[in-house]
C-alpha atoms as a PDB file:
ATOM      1  CA  MET A   1      -8.870 -15.336 -22.702  1.00  0.00           C
ATOM      2  CA  ALA A   2      -7.321 -11.939 -22.318  1.00  0.00           C
ATOM      3  CA  ALA A   3      -5.903 -11.304 -25.953  1.00  0.00           C
ATOM      4  CA  GLY A   4      -8.866 -12.344 -27.382  1.00  0.00           C
ATOM      5  CA  GLY A   5     -10.814  -9.343 -25.729  1.00  0.00           C
ATOM      6  CA  SER A   6     -12.868 -11.053 -22.458  1.00  0.00           C
ATOM      7  CA  ARG A   7     -14.903  -9.281 -21.038  1.00  0.00           C
ATOM      8  CA  PHE A   8     -12.963  -9.646 -17.878  1.00  0.00           C
ATOM      9  CA  ALA A   9      -9.513  -7.587 -19.335  1.00  0.00           C
ATOM     10  CA  ARG A  10     -10.836  -5.054 -19.816  1.00  0.00           C
ATOM     11  CA  VAL A  11      -9.013  -1.738 -18.702  1.00  0.00           C
ATOM     12  CA  ALA A  12     -10.274   1.278 -16.252  1.00  0.00           C
ATOM     13  CA  THR A  13     -11.386   3.754 -18.834  1.00  0.00           C
ATOM     14  CA  ASP A  14     -11.319   7.619 -18.430  1.00  0.00           C
ATOM     15  CA  GLU A  15     -15.242   8.072 -17.573  1.00  0.00           C
ATOM     16  CA  GLU A  16     -14.994   5.362 -14.477  1.00  0.00           C
ATOM     17  CA  CYS A  17     -11.102   7.391 -13.775  1.00  0.00           C
ATOM     18  CA  GLN A  18     -12.764  10.478 -12.979  1.00  0.00           C
ATOM     19  CA  GLN A  19     -14.105   8.715  -9.682  1.00  0.00           C
ATOM     20  CA  PRO A  20     -12.111   5.993  -9.293  1.00  0.00           C
ATOM     21  CA  LEU A  21     -13.564   5.110  -5.394  1.00  0.00           C
ATOM     22  CA  ALA A  22     -16.791   5.199  -6.395  1.00  0.00           C
ATOM     23  CA  THR A  23     -16.433   2.713  -9.692  1.00  0.00           C
ATOM     24  CA  LEU A  24     -14.401   0.315  -6.938  1.00  0.00           C
ATOM     25  CA  ASP A  25     -16.796   0.650  -4.606  1.00  0.00           C
ATOM     26  CA  GLY A  26     -20.579   0.970  -4.351  1.00  0.00           C
ATOM     27  CA  ARG A  27     -21.539  -0.531  -0.711  1.00  0.00           C
ATOM     28  CA  GLY A  28     -19.131   2.380   0.865  1.00  0.00           C
ATOM     29  CA  TRP A  29     -16.354  -0.069   1.882  1.00  0.00           C
ATOM     30  CA  LEU A  30     -13.976   1.831   1.298  1.00  0.00           C
ATOM     31  CA  PRO A  31     -12.282   4.725   3.236  1.00  0.00           C
ATOM     32  CA  ALA A  32     -13.012   8.434   1.974  1.00  0.00           C
ATOM     33  CA  SER A  33      -9.211   8.280   0.519  1.00  0.00           C
ATOM     34  CA  VAL A  34      -6.676   5.865  -0.381  1.00  0.00           C
ATOM     35  CA  HIS A  35      -4.259   8.542  -1.212  1.00  0.00           C
ATOM     36  CA  GLY A  36      -0.484   6.705   0.271  1.00  0.00           C
ATOM     37  CA  LEU A  37      -2.008   3.802   1.316  1.00  0.00           C
ATOM     38  CA  ASP A  38      -0.905   0.504  -0.242  1.00  0.00           C
ATOM     39  CA  VAL A  39      -3.001  -2.029  -2.072  1.00  0.00           C
ATOM     40  CA  LEU A  40      -2.039  -4.499  -2.716  1.00  0.00           C
ATOM     41  CA  CYS A  41      -4.904  -6.070  -6.367  1.00  0.00           C
ATOM     42  CA  LEU A  42      -5.026  -9.796  -6.091  1.00  0.00           C
ATOM     43  CA  ALA A  43      -5.478 -12.233  -8.777  1.00  0.00           C
ATOM     44  CA  ALA A  44      -7.096  -8.884 -10.216  1.00  0.00           C
ATOM     45  CA  GLY A  45      -4.286  -8.334 -13.558  1.00  0.00           C
ATOM     46  CA  GLY A  46      -5.544  -6.671 -16.382  1.00  0.00           C
ATOM     47  CA  GLY A  47      -5.741  -3.029 -16.483  1.00  0.00           C
ATOM     48  CA  TRP A  48      -9.153  -1.726 -13.765  1.00  0.00           C
ATOM     49  CA  GLN A  49      -8.671  -2.200  -9.866  1.00  0.00           C
ATOM     50  CA  SER A  50      -5.235  -1.644 -10.086  1.00  0.00           C
ATOM     51  CA  ILE A  51      -5.088   1.353 -12.451  1.00  0.00           C
ATOM     52  CA  LEU A  52      -8.259   3.374 -10.599  1.00  0.00           C
ATOM     53  CA  TYR A  53      -6.389   2.497  -7.212  1.00  0.00           C
ATOM     54  CA  ALA A  54      -3.284   4.391  -8.270  1.00  0.00           C
ATOM     55  CA  GLN A  55      -5.531   6.770 -10.110  1.00  0.00           C
ATOM     56  CA  ALA A  56      -6.793   7.421  -6.602  1.00  0.00           C
ATOM     57  CA  GLY A  57      -3.776   7.956  -5.296  1.00  0.00           C
ATOM     58  CA  ALA A  58      -2.999   4.361  -4.040  1.00  0.00           C
ATOM     59  CA  ARG A  59       0.494   2.635  -3.587  1.00  0.00           C
ATOM     60  CA  VAL A  60      -0.340  -0.099  -6.130  1.00  0.00           C
ATOM     61  CA  THR A  61       0.804  -3.924  -6.660  1.00  0.00           C
ATOM     62  CA  VAL A  62      -0.885  -6.403  -8.895  1.00  0.00           C
ATOM     63  CA  VAL A  63      -0.091 -10.677  -8.152  1.00  0.00           C
ATOM     64  CA  ASP A  64      -1.634 -12.220 -10.647  1.00  0.00           C
ATOM     65  CA  ILE A  65      -0.890 -15.822 -12.870  1.00  0.00           C
ATOM     66  CA  SER A  66      -1.840 -14.775 -15.998  1.00  0.00           C
ATOM     67  CA  THR A  67       1.278 -12.649 -18.364  1.00  0.00           C
ATOM     68  CA  GLU A  68      -0.897 -11.350 -20.312  1.00  0.00           C
ATOM     69  CA  MET A  69      -3.272  -9.569 -17.896  1.00  0.00           C
ATOM     70  CA  LEU A  70      -0.199  -8.345 -16.646  1.00  0.00           C
ATOM     71  CA  ARG A  71       0.937  -6.586 -19.312  1.00  0.00           C
ATOM     72  CA  GLN A  72      -2.226  -4.363 -20.006  1.00  0.00           C
ATOM     73  CA  ASP A  73      -1.114  -3.902 -16.175  1.00  0.00           C
ATOM     74  CA  VAL A  74       1.599  -2.400 -17.271  1.00  0.00           C
ATOM     75  CA  ALA A  75       1.081  -1.377 -20.592  1.00  0.00           C
ATOM     76  CA  GLU A  76      -2.505   0.583 -19.274  1.00  0.00           C
ATOM     77  CA  ALA A  77      -0.170   2.803 -16.195  1.00  0.00           C
ATOM     78  CA  GLU A  78       2.178   3.170 -18.646  1.00  0.00           C
ATOM     79  CA  ARG A  79      -0.180   5.540 -20.509  1.00  0.00           C
ATOM     80  CA  ARG A  80      -1.580   6.906 -18.176  1.00  0.00           C
ATOM     81  CA  GLY A  81       1.627   7.989 -16.194  1.00  0.00           C
ATOM     82  CA  LEU A  82       0.783   6.197 -13.708  1.00  0.00           C
ATOM     83  CA  SER A  83       2.872   4.084 -10.844  1.00  0.00           C
ATOM     84  CA  VAL A  84       2.151  -0.022 -10.296  1.00  0.00           C
ATOM     85  CA  ARG A  85       3.723  -3.472  -9.593  1.00  0.00           C
ATOM     86  CA  VAL A  86       3.527  -5.881 -10.449  1.00  0.00           C
ATOM     87  CA  TYR A  87       4.382 -10.191  -9.756  1.00  0.00           C
ATOM     88  CA  GLU A  88       3.211 -13.566 -11.380  1.00  0.00           C
ATOM     89  CA  GLY A  89       2.487 -15.340  -9.014  1.00  0.00           C
ATOM     90  CA  SER A  90      -0.399 -17.271  -7.230  1.00  0.00           C
ATOM     91  CA  MET A  91      -2.777 -16.167  -5.010  1.00  0.00           C
ATOM     92  CA  HIS A  92      -1.587 -19.078  -2.544  1.00  0.00           C
ATOM     93  CA  ASP A  93       2.001 -17.985  -2.761  1.00  0.00           C
ATOM     94  CA  LEU A  94       2.607 -14.460  -1.500  1.00  0.00           C
ATOM     95  CA  ARG A  95       6.422 -15.258  -0.348  1.00  0.00           C
ATOM     96  CA  MET A  96       7.673 -12.173  -2.546  1.00  0.00           C
ATOM     97  CA  LEU A  97       5.431  -9.447  -0.686  1.00  0.00           C
ATOM     98  CA  ALA A  98       6.726  -8.577   2.492  1.00  0.00           C
ATOM     99  CA  ASP A  99       4.984  -9.307   6.135  1.00  0.00           C
ATOM    100  CA  GLU A 100       1.819  -6.687   6.422  1.00  0.00           C
ATOM    101  CA  SER A 101       2.648  -4.755   4.707  1.00  0.00           C
ATOM    102  CA  PHE A 102      -0.722  -3.496   2.716  1.00  0.00           C
ATOM    103  CA  ASP A 103      -3.785  -1.739   4.150  1.00  0.00           C
ATOM    104  CA  ILE A 104      -5.947  -2.900   1.039  1.00  0.00           C
ATOM    105  CA  VAL A 105      -5.891  -6.102  -0.654  1.00  0.00           C
ATOM    106  CA  HIS A 106      -9.127  -5.804  -3.142  1.00  0.00           C
ATOM    107  CA  GLN A 107      -9.659  -9.613  -4.455  1.00  0.00           C
ATOM    108  CA  PRO A 108     -11.922 -10.408  -7.418  1.00  0.00           C
ATOM    109  CA  VAL A 109     -14.213 -13.560  -8.328  1.00  0.00           C
ATOM    110  CA  SER A 110     -10.968 -16.294  -8.479  1.00  0.00           C
ATOM    111  CA  THR A 111     -10.586 -18.479  -5.268  1.00  0.00           C
ATOM    112  CA  CYS A 112     -12.535 -21.087  -6.981  1.00  0.00           C
ATOM    113  CA  TYR A 113      -9.564 -21.760  -8.775  1.00  0.00           C
ATOM    114  CA  VAL A 114      -7.454 -22.967  -5.745  1.00  0.00           C
ATOM    115  CA  PRO A 115      -8.065 -25.880  -3.949  1.00  0.00           C
ATOM    116  CA  ASP A 116      -7.192 -24.640  -0.944  1.00  0.00           C
ATOM    117  CA  ILE A 117      -8.896 -21.235  -0.138  1.00  0.00           C
ATOM    118  CA  ASN A 118      -7.506 -21.277   3.518  1.00  0.00           C
ATOM    119  CA  ALA A 119      -4.396 -20.967   2.440  1.00  0.00           C
ATOM    120  CA  VAL A 120      -5.065 -18.130   0.301  1.00  0.00           C
ATOM    121  CA  TYR A 121      -6.288 -16.609   3.374  1.00  0.00           C
ATOM    122  CA  HIS A 122      -3.878 -17.348   5.339  1.00  0.00           C
ATOM    123  CA  GLU A 123      -1.479 -15.061   3.341  1.00  0.00           C
ATOM    124  CA  ILE A 124      -3.532 -12.717   3.042  1.00  0.00           C
ATOM    125  CA  ALA A 125      -3.685 -12.061   6.593  1.00  0.00           C
ATOM    126  CA  ARG A 126      -0.075 -12.044   6.841  1.00  0.00           C
ATOM    127  CA  VAL A 127       0.244  -9.006   4.092  1.00  0.00           C
ATOM    128  CA  LEU A 128      -1.670  -7.312   5.638  1.00  0.00           C
ATOM    129  CA  ARG A 129      -1.606  -4.424   8.678  1.00  0.00           C
ATOM    130  CA  ASP A 130      -2.683  -4.552  11.644  1.00  0.00           C
ATOM    131  CA  GLY A 131      -6.709  -2.851  10.809  1.00  0.00           C
ATOM    132  CA  GLY A 132      -6.381  -3.511   6.925  1.00  0.00           C
ATOM    133  CA  LEU A 133      -9.343  -3.988   5.072  1.00  0.00           C
ATOM    134  CA  TYR A 134     -10.138  -6.894   2.660  1.00  0.00           C
ATOM    135  CA  ILE A 135     -12.427  -6.867  -0.256  1.00  0.00           C
ATOM    136  CA  SER A 136     -12.909  -9.883  -1.552  1.00  0.00           C
ATOM    137  CA  GLN A 137     -15.668 -11.620  -4.224  1.00  0.00           C
ATOM    138  CA  HIS A 138     -16.429 -15.455  -4.068  1.00  0.00           C
ATOM    139  CA  LYS A 139     -18.677 -18.106  -6.459  1.00  0.00           C
ATOM    140  CA  GLN A 140     -21.232 -19.410  -4.027  1.00  0.00           C
ATOM    141  CA  PRO A 141     -21.385 -23.286  -3.665  1.00  0.00           C
ATOM    142  CA  THR A 142     -24.325 -23.785  -4.725  1.00  0.00           C
ATOM    143  CA  CYS A 143     -23.257 -21.516  -8.154  1.00  0.00           C
ATOM    144  CA  LEU A 144     -21.043 -24.468  -8.498  1.00  0.00           C
ATOM    145  CA  GLN A 145     -23.261 -28.486  -7.866  1.00  0.00           C
ATOM    146  CA  ILE A 146     -25.768 -26.933 -10.885  1.00  0.00           C
ATOM    147  CA  VAL A 147     -24.973 -29.367 -12.923  1.00  0.00           C
ATOM    148  CA  GLU A 148     -27.927 -28.826 -15.868  1.00  0.00           C
ATOM    149  CA  ARG A 149     -30.987 -27.329 -16.664  1.00  0.00           C
ATOM    150  CA  ASP A 150     -34.273 -29.747 -17.146  1.00  0.00           C
ATOM    151  CA  ALA A 151     -36.928 -29.172 -19.333  1.00  0.00           C
ATOM    152  CA  ALA A 152     -39.606 -27.748 -17.305  1.00  0.00           C
ATOM    153  CA  ASN A 153     -36.751 -24.589 -17.162  1.00  0.00           C
ATOM    154  CA  ARG A 154     -35.644 -25.828 -13.364  1.00  0.00           C
ATOM    155  CA  TYR A 155     -32.105 -25.770 -12.708  1.00  0.00           C
ATOM    156  CA  VAL A 156     -30.330 -29.460 -10.981  1.00  0.00           C
ATOM    157  CA  ILE A 157     -28.067 -29.959  -8.967  1.00  0.00           C
ATOM    158  CA  GLY A 158     -25.871 -33.009  -9.692  1.00  0.00           C
ATOM    159  CA  VAL A 159     -22.741 -31.350  -7.200  1.00  0.00           C
ATOM    160  CA  LYS A 160     -22.028 -33.385  -4.333  1.00  0.00           C
ATOM    161  CA  TYR A 161     -21.859 -30.432  -2.131  1.00  0.00           C
ATOM    162  CA  TYR A 162     -18.684 -32.620  -0.431  1.00  0.00           C
ATOM    163  CA  HIS A 163     -17.537 -33.291  -3.429  1.00  0.00           C
ATOM    164  CA  HIS A 164     -13.613 -33.389  -3.306  1.00  0.00           C
ATOM    165  CA  GLY A 165     -11.209 -32.354  -5.597  1.00  0.00           C
ATOM    166  CA  PRO A 166     -11.884 -30.596  -9.863  1.00  0.00           C
ATOM    167  CA  LEU A 167     -15.116 -30.148 -10.306  1.00  0.00           C
ATOM    168  CA  PRO A 168     -16.471 -32.496 -13.011  1.00  0.00           C
ATOM    169  CA  PRO A 169     -17.625 -31.035 -16.737  1.00  0.00           C
ATOM    170  CA  VAL A 170     -21.716 -29.897 -16.281  1.00  0.00           C
ATOM    171  CA  GLY A 171     -24.219 -29.379 -18.877  1.00  0.00           C
ATOM    172  CA  ASP A 172     -24.649 -26.104 -17.424  1.00  0.00           C
ATOM    173  CA  THR A 173     -21.359 -23.345 -18.079  1.00  0.00           C
ATOM    174  CA  SER A 174     -23.440 -20.445 -16.933  1.00  0.00           C
ATOM    175  CA  TYR A 175     -20.892 -19.387 -13.610  1.00  0.00           C
ATOM    176  CA  ARG A 176     -18.204 -21.887 -15.294  1.00  0.00           C
ATOM    177  CA  GLU A 177     -15.198 -20.521 -17.337  1.00  0.00           C
ATOM    178  CA  PRO A 178     -13.933 -22.611 -20.478  1.00  0.00           C
ATOM    179  CA  GLY A 179     -10.962 -24.734 -19.837  1.00  0.00           C
ATOM    180  CA  ALA A 180     -10.999 -23.779 -16.881  1.00  0.00           C
ATOM    181  CA  VAL A 181     -10.532 -26.189 -13.352  1.00  0.00           C
ATOM    182  CA  GLU A 182     -12.358 -25.347 -10.965  1.00  0.00           C
ATOM    183  CA  PHE A 183     -13.104 -25.695  -6.898  1.00  0.00           C
ATOM    184  CA  LEU A 184     -16.096 -25.516  -4.511  1.00  0.00           C
ATOM    185  CA  HIS A 185     -15.499 -24.239  -1.860  1.00  0.00           C
ATOM    186  CA  ARG A 186     -18.071 -24.349   0.820  1.00  0.00           C
ATOM    187  CA  TRP A 187     -18.947 -21.797   3.460  1.00  0.00           C
ATOM    188  CA  GLU A 188     -17.516 -23.235   6.348  1.00  0.00           C
ATOM    189  CA  ASP A 189     -14.370 -22.446   4.287  1.00  0.00           C
ATOM    190  CA  LEU A 190     -15.303 -19.456   2.610  1.00  0.00           C
ATOM    191  CA  VAL A 191     -16.285 -17.656   5.859  1.00  0.00           C
ATOM    192  CA  GLY A 192     -14.931 -19.808   8.265  1.00  0.00           C
ATOM    193  CA  GLY A 193     -12.052 -19.981   6.808  1.00  0.00           C
ATOM    194  CA  MET A 194     -11.292 -16.153   6.734  1.00  0.00           C
ATOM    195  CA  CYS A 195     -12.939 -15.777  10.729  1.00  0.00           C
ATOM    196  CA  ARG A 196      -9.670 -17.970  11.641  1.00  0.00           C
ATOM    197  CA  ALA A 197      -6.878 -16.811   9.465  1.00  0.00           C
ATOM    198  CA  GLY A 198      -6.972 -13.996  11.221  1.00  0.00           C
ATOM    199  CA  LEU A 199      -9.694 -12.112   9.604  1.00  0.00           C
ATOM    200  CA  LEU A 200     -12.748 -10.198  10.824  1.00  0.00           C
ATOM    201  CA  LEU A 201     -15.971 -10.182   9.127  1.00  0.00           C
ATOM    202  CA  GLU A 202     -17.833  -6.815   8.955  1.00  0.00           C
ATOM    203  CA  ASP A 203     -20.311  -7.138   6.364  1.00  0.00           C
ATOM    204  CA  LEU A 204     -21.460  -9.803   3.371  1.00  0.00           C
ATOM    205  CA  ARG A 205     -23.354  -8.359   0.192  1.00  0.00           C
ATOM    206  CA  GLU A 206     -25.211 -11.487  -2.959  1.00  0.00           C
ATOM    207  CA  PRO A 207     -24.857  -9.033  -6.145  1.00  0.00           C
ATOM    208  CA  CYS A 208     -28.259 -10.171  -7.464  1.00  0.00           C
ATOM    209  CA  ARG A 209     -27.434 -11.253 -11.291  1.00  0.00           C
ATOM    210  CA  ALA A 210     -31.354 -11.529 -11.752  1.00  0.00           C
ATOM    211  CA  ASP A 211     -33.722 -10.532 -14.447  1.00  0.00           C
ATOM    212  CA  GLU A 212     -36.629 -10.998 -14.809  1.00  0.00           C
ATOM    213  CA  SER A 213     -36.818 -10.579 -18.291  1.00  0.00           C
ATOM    214  CA  ALA A 214     -33.829 -12.877 -18.866  1.00  0.00           C
ATOM    215  CA  ARG A 215     -35.226 -16.162 -20.972  1.00  0.00           C
ATOM    216  CA  PRO A 216     -34.436 -19.627 -19.815  1.00  0.00           C
ATOM    217  CA  GLY A 217     -30.497 -19.854 -20.382  1.00  0.00           C
ATOM    218  CA  GLU A 218     -29.851 -16.951 -20.523  1.00  0.00           C
ATOM    219  CA  PHE A 219     -27.534 -15.171 -16.751  1.00  0.00           C
ATOM    220  CA  GLY A 220     -30.093 -13.553 -15.494  1.00  0.00           C
ATOM    221  CA  HIS A 221     -32.423 -16.827 -15.587  1.00  0.00           C
ATOM    222  CA  ARG A 222     -30.647 -18.496 -13.620  1.00  0.00           C
ATOM    223  CA  GLY A 223     -29.269 -15.661 -11.140  1.00  0.00           C
ATOM    224  CA  GLN A 224     -33.129 -15.900 -10.105  1.00  0.00           C
ATOM    225  CA  PHE A 225     -32.640 -19.635  -8.596  1.00  0.00           C
ATOM    226  CA  VAL A 226     -28.957 -19.418  -8.255  1.00  0.00           C
ATOM    227  CA  PRO A 227     -27.235 -16.443  -6.583  1.00  0.00           C
ATOM    228  CA  PRO A 228     -24.014 -16.945  -7.720  1.00  0.00           C
ATOM    229  CA  TYR A 229     -21.146 -14.072  -6.199  1.00  0.00           C
ATOM    230  CA  VAL A 230     -20.854 -13.234  -2.418  1.00  0.00           C
ATOM    231  CA  ARG A 231     -18.985 -10.178  -1.722  1.00  0.00           C
ATOM    232  CA  MET A 232     -17.543  -9.899   1.926  1.00  0.00           C
ATOM    233  CA  LYS A 233     -15.547  -7.125   3.707  1.00  0.00           C
ATOM    234  CA  ALA A 234     -13.279  -8.380   6.397  1.00  0.00           C
ATOM    235  CA  ARG A 235     -10.413  -5.927   8.221  1.00  0.00           C
ATOM    236  CA  ARG A 236      -7.490  -7.937   9.199  1.00  0.00           C
ATOM    237  CA  VAL A 237      -8.036  -8.334  13.411  1.00  0.00           C
ATOM    238  CA  SER A 238      -4.632  -6.861  15.717  1.00  0.00           C
ATOM    239  CA  ARG A 239      -2.196  -9.395  16.553  1.00  0.00           C
ATOM    240  CA  GLN A 240      -1.751  -8.501  19.715  1.00  0.00           C
ATOM    241  CA  SER A 241      -5.485  -8.887  20.480  1.00  0.00           C
ATOM    242  CA  ALA A 242      -5.755 -11.488  18.797  1.00  0.00           C
ATOM    243  CA  GLU A 243      -2.460 -13.753  21.110  1.00  0.00           C
ATOM    244  CA  THR A 244      -4.224 -12.311  23.451  1.00  0.00           C
ATOM    245  CA  ARG A 245      -7.755 -13.869  23.359  1.00  0.00           C
ATOM    246  CA  LYS A 246      -5.586 -17.015  22.898  1.00  0.00           C
ATOM    247  CA  ALA A 247      -3.957 -17.077  26.088  1.00  0.00           C
ATOM    248  CA  PRO A 248      -5.019 -19.302  28.516  1.00  0.00           C
ATOM    249  CA  LEU A 249      -8.154 -17.306  31.506  1.00  0.00           C
ATOM    250  CA  LEU A 250      -6.752 -17.327  34.543  1.00  0.00           C
ATOM    251  CA  TRP A 251      -9.131 -18.024  37.341  1.00  0.00           C
ATOM    252  CA  THR A 252      -8.709 -16.618  40.722  1.00  0.00           C
ATOM    253  CA  PRO A 253     -11.161 -17.568  43.480  1.00  0.00           C
END
């Protein structure tokens, strides 16, 4: 898909690089400056997030499972005279990265491709410094439960909420990537797993993909009925305070 010019493999433009933080963050979640901060672009190869963060002065590391996407990060960084460090690997195993080595982890939609989102969260919590920021976007479970659009243009839920294992092929592929193996993560893991890993949720948004003028079968039409994504802002809890909360309370009469 990257070699074929997928819209998800688009490098940052000159115009976007003029105001890189504004391009990355339309919600005010990032600090006013990332200059000198260590940023991990997780499962975010392709030359977009990495280039924008590097342009803003951050020290950038990219981890992605796609060699082709990482090539784009390296090539675009070299073209712009920027420095980007890349590693090929899966988001659930970051053993190549040291504990508490990042101030920000930025992750676009990608956790739907791994069976265990909790393993991803634990790795993110491990590599984040205390107070570090985790910005992520995920597919909502209901989005992945849709199997078809009926004759009345209603979207049919046909995958069980407690489905285990890879998702089955479906007729409605509006928000499914062709040839990809995907997994449904329930809210107790999407949000609860994040909290259990030591990441404090600070904000949650549902990007609107509804378009009243869209025709049945188009992204915007389905977006009127089922929100496809959720964006979350979380922060690494102080390890010392986390240990304090785990300690038993002593009561003295």
